């Protein structure tokens, strides 16, 4: 950019709107993945030490997924501002 460059407010608002739409789609995908994880974790038919360890590992990954969703929500709030 130079001193003659112009930031078009309309273009910036449109870019923010598109980013918000994409982040909301990502959050929807994350919610679907998290629901699938919950189904597996809460399945009482699958038993065994290996499956219990896997279920715990998946439960740990849910913390990361929740952090991703929180980051997306923060970005959405910023874009809406």
C-alpha atoms as a PDB file:
ATOM      1  CA  UNK A   1       0.000   0.000   0.000  1.00  0.00           C
ATOM      2  CA  UNK A   2       1.018   3.547  -0.583  1.00  0.00           C
ATOM      3  CA  UNK A   3      -0.199   6.857   0.788  1.00  0.00           C
ATOM      4  CA  UNK A   4      -2.572   7.007  -2.199  1.00  0.00           C
ATOM      5  CA  UNK A   5      -4.194   3.660  -1.431  1.00  0.00           C
ATOM      6  CA  UNK A   6      -7.878   3.675  -0.535  1.00  0.00           C
ATOM      7  CA  UNK A   7      -9.651   1.277   1.805  1.00  0.00           C
ATOM      8  CA  UNK A   8     -13.168   0.898   0.488  1.00  0.00           C
ATOM      9  CA  UNK A   9     -15.515   0.466   3.483  1.00  0.00           C
ATOM     10  CA  UNK A  10     -18.100  -1.387   1.398  1.00  0.00           C
ATOM     11  CA  UNK A  11     -15.535  -3.924   0.222  1.00  0.00           C
ATOM     12  CA  UNK A  12     -14.280  -4.415   3.775  1.00  0.00           C
ATOM     13  CA  UNK A  13     -17.833  -5.001   5.043  1.00  0.00           C
ATOM     14  CA  UNK A  14     -18.474  -7.513   2.249  1.00  0.00           C
ATOM     15  CA  UNK A  15     -15.252  -9.373   3.061  1.00  0.00           C
ATOM     16  CA  UNK A  16     -16.189  -9.472   6.741  1.00  0.00           C
ATOM     17  CA  UNK A  17     -19.658 -10.795   5.892  1.00  0.00           C
ATOM     18  CA  UNK A  18     -18.193 -13.557   3.727  1.00  0.00           C
ATOM     19  CA  UNK A  19     -15.709 -14.474   6.446  1.00  0.00           C
ATOM     20  CA  UNK A  20     -18.536 -14.658   8.992  1.00  0.00           C
ATOM     21  CA  UNK A  21     -20.528 -16.955   6.708  1.00  0.00           C
ATOM     22  CA  UNK A  22     -17.515 -19.260   6.281  1.00  0.00           C
ATOM     23  CA  UNK A  23     -16.791 -19.336  10.000  1.00  0.00           C
ATOM     24  CA  UNK A  24     -20.420 -20.153  10.780  1.00  0.00           C
ATOM     25  CA  UNK A  25     -20.244 -23.039   8.295  1.00  0.00           C
ATOM     26  CA  UNK A  26     -17.072 -24.236  10.015  1.00  0.00           C
ATOM     27  CA  UNK A  27     -18.826 -24.084  13.379  1.00  0.00           C
ATOM     28  CA  UNK A  28     -21.693 -26.157  11.989  1.00  0.00           C
ATOM     29  CA  UNK A  29     -19.209 -28.767  10.764  1.00  0.00           C
ATOM     30  CA  UNK A  30     -17.472 -28.758  14.123  1.00  0.00           C
ATOM     31  CA  UNK A  31     -20.821 -29.310  15.866  1.00  0.00           C
ATOM     32  CA  UNK A  32     -21.546 -32.319  13.641  1.00  0.00           C
ATOM     33  CA  UNK A  33     -18.123 -33.816  14.346  1.00  0.00           C
ATOM     34  CA  UNK A  34     -18.515 -33.208  18.068  1.00  0.00           C
ATOM     35  CA  UNK A  35     -21.950 -34.864  18.078  1.00  0.00           C
ATOM     36  CA  UNK A  36     -20.483 -37.911  16.335  1.00  0.00           C
ATOM     37  CA  UNK A  37     -17.707 -38.055  18.909  1.00  0.00           C
ATOM     38  CA  UNK A  38     -20.261 -37.916  21.704  1.00  0.00           C
ATOM     39  CA  UNK A  39     -22.187 -40.804  20.163  1.00  0.00           C
ATOM     40  CA  UNK A  40     -19.041 -42.915  20.103  1.00  0.00           C
ATOM     41  CA  UNK A  41     -17.896 -41.908  23.585  1.00  0.00           C
ATOM     42  CA  UNK A  42     -21.295 -42.622  25.119  1.00  0.00           C
ATOM     43  CA  UNK A  43     -21.808 -45.935  23.316  1.00  0.00           C
ATOM     44  CA  UNK A  44     -22.049 -48.504  26.101  1.00  0.00           C
ATOM     45  CA  UNK A  45     -21.977 -51.480  23.737  1.00  0.00           C
ATOM     46  CA  UNK A  46     -18.309 -50.979  22.945  1.00  0.00           C
ATOM     47  CA  UNK A  47     -16.279 -52.269  25.871  1.00  0.00           C
ATOM     48  CA  UNK A  48     -12.639 -52.957  26.543  1.00  0.00           C
ATOM     49  CA  UNK A  49      -9.531 -51.246  27.802  1.00  0.00           C
ATOM     50  CA  UNK A  50      -8.427 -50.201  24.313  1.00  0.00           C
ATOM     51  CA  UNK A  51     -11.810 -48.677  23.535  1.00  0.00           C
ATOM     52  CA  UNK A  52     -11.888 -46.925  26.906  1.00  0.00           C
ATOM     53  CA  UNK A  53      -8.479 -45.411  26.170  1.00  0.00           C
ATOM     54  CA  UNK A  54      -9.644 -44.359  22.705  1.00  0.00           C
ATOM     55  CA  UNK A  55     -12.793 -42.818  24.136  1.00  0.00           C
ATOM     56  CA  UNK A  56     -10.703 -40.845  26.625  1.00  0.00           C
ATOM     57  CA  UNK A  57      -8.391 -39.675  23.863  1.00  0.00           C
ATOM     58  CA  UNK A  58     -11.346 -38.542  21.765  1.00  0.00           C
ATOM     59  CA  UNK A  59     -12.771 -36.771  24.794  1.00  0.00           C
ATOM     60  CA  UNK A  60      -9.451 -34.925  25.136  1.00  0.00           C
ATOM     61  CA  UNK A  61      -9.638 -33.859  21.486  1.00  0.00           C
ATOM     62  CA  UNK A  62     -13.044 -32.356  22.179  1.00  0.00           C
ATOM     63  CA  UNK A  63     -11.282 -29.705  24.281  1.00  0.00           C
ATOM     64  CA  UNK A  64      -9.274 -28.709  21.212  1.00  0.00           C
ATOM     65  CA  UNK A  65     -12.408 -28.674  19.063  1.00  0.00           C
ATOM     66  CA  UNK A  66     -14.181 -26.454  21.581  1.00  0.00           C
ATOM     67  CA  UNK A  67     -11.203 -24.083  21.489  1.00  0.00           C
ATOM     68  CA  UNK A  68     -11.444 -23.954  17.692  1.00  0.00           C
ATOM     69  CA  UNK A  69     -15.123 -23.090  17.914  1.00  0.00           C
ATOM     70  CA  UNK A  70     -14.380 -20.402  20.507  1.00  0.00           C
ATOM     71  CA  UNK A  71     -11.710 -18.926  18.234  1.00  0.00           C
ATOM     72  CA  UNK A  72     -14.196 -18.903  15.354  1.00  0.00           C
ATOM     73  CA  UNK A  73     -16.784 -17.205  17.577  1.00  0.00           C
ATOM     74  CA  UNK A  74     -14.248 -14.549  18.551  1.00  0.00           C
ATOM     75  CA  UNK A  75     -13.395 -13.927  14.903  1.00  0.00           C
ATOM     76  CA  UNK A  76     -17.095 -13.715  14.040  1.00  0.00           C
ATOM     77  CA  UNK A  77     -17.584 -11.101  16.787  1.00  0.00           C
ATOM     78  CA  UNK A  78     -14.618  -9.134  15.422  1.00  0.00           C
ATOM     79  CA  UNK A  79     -15.911  -9.295  11.856  1.00  0.00           C
ATOM     80  CA  UNK A  80     -19.376  -8.200  13.009  1.00  0.00           C
ATOM     81  CA  UNK A  81     -17.810  -5.183  14.695  1.00  0.00           C
END
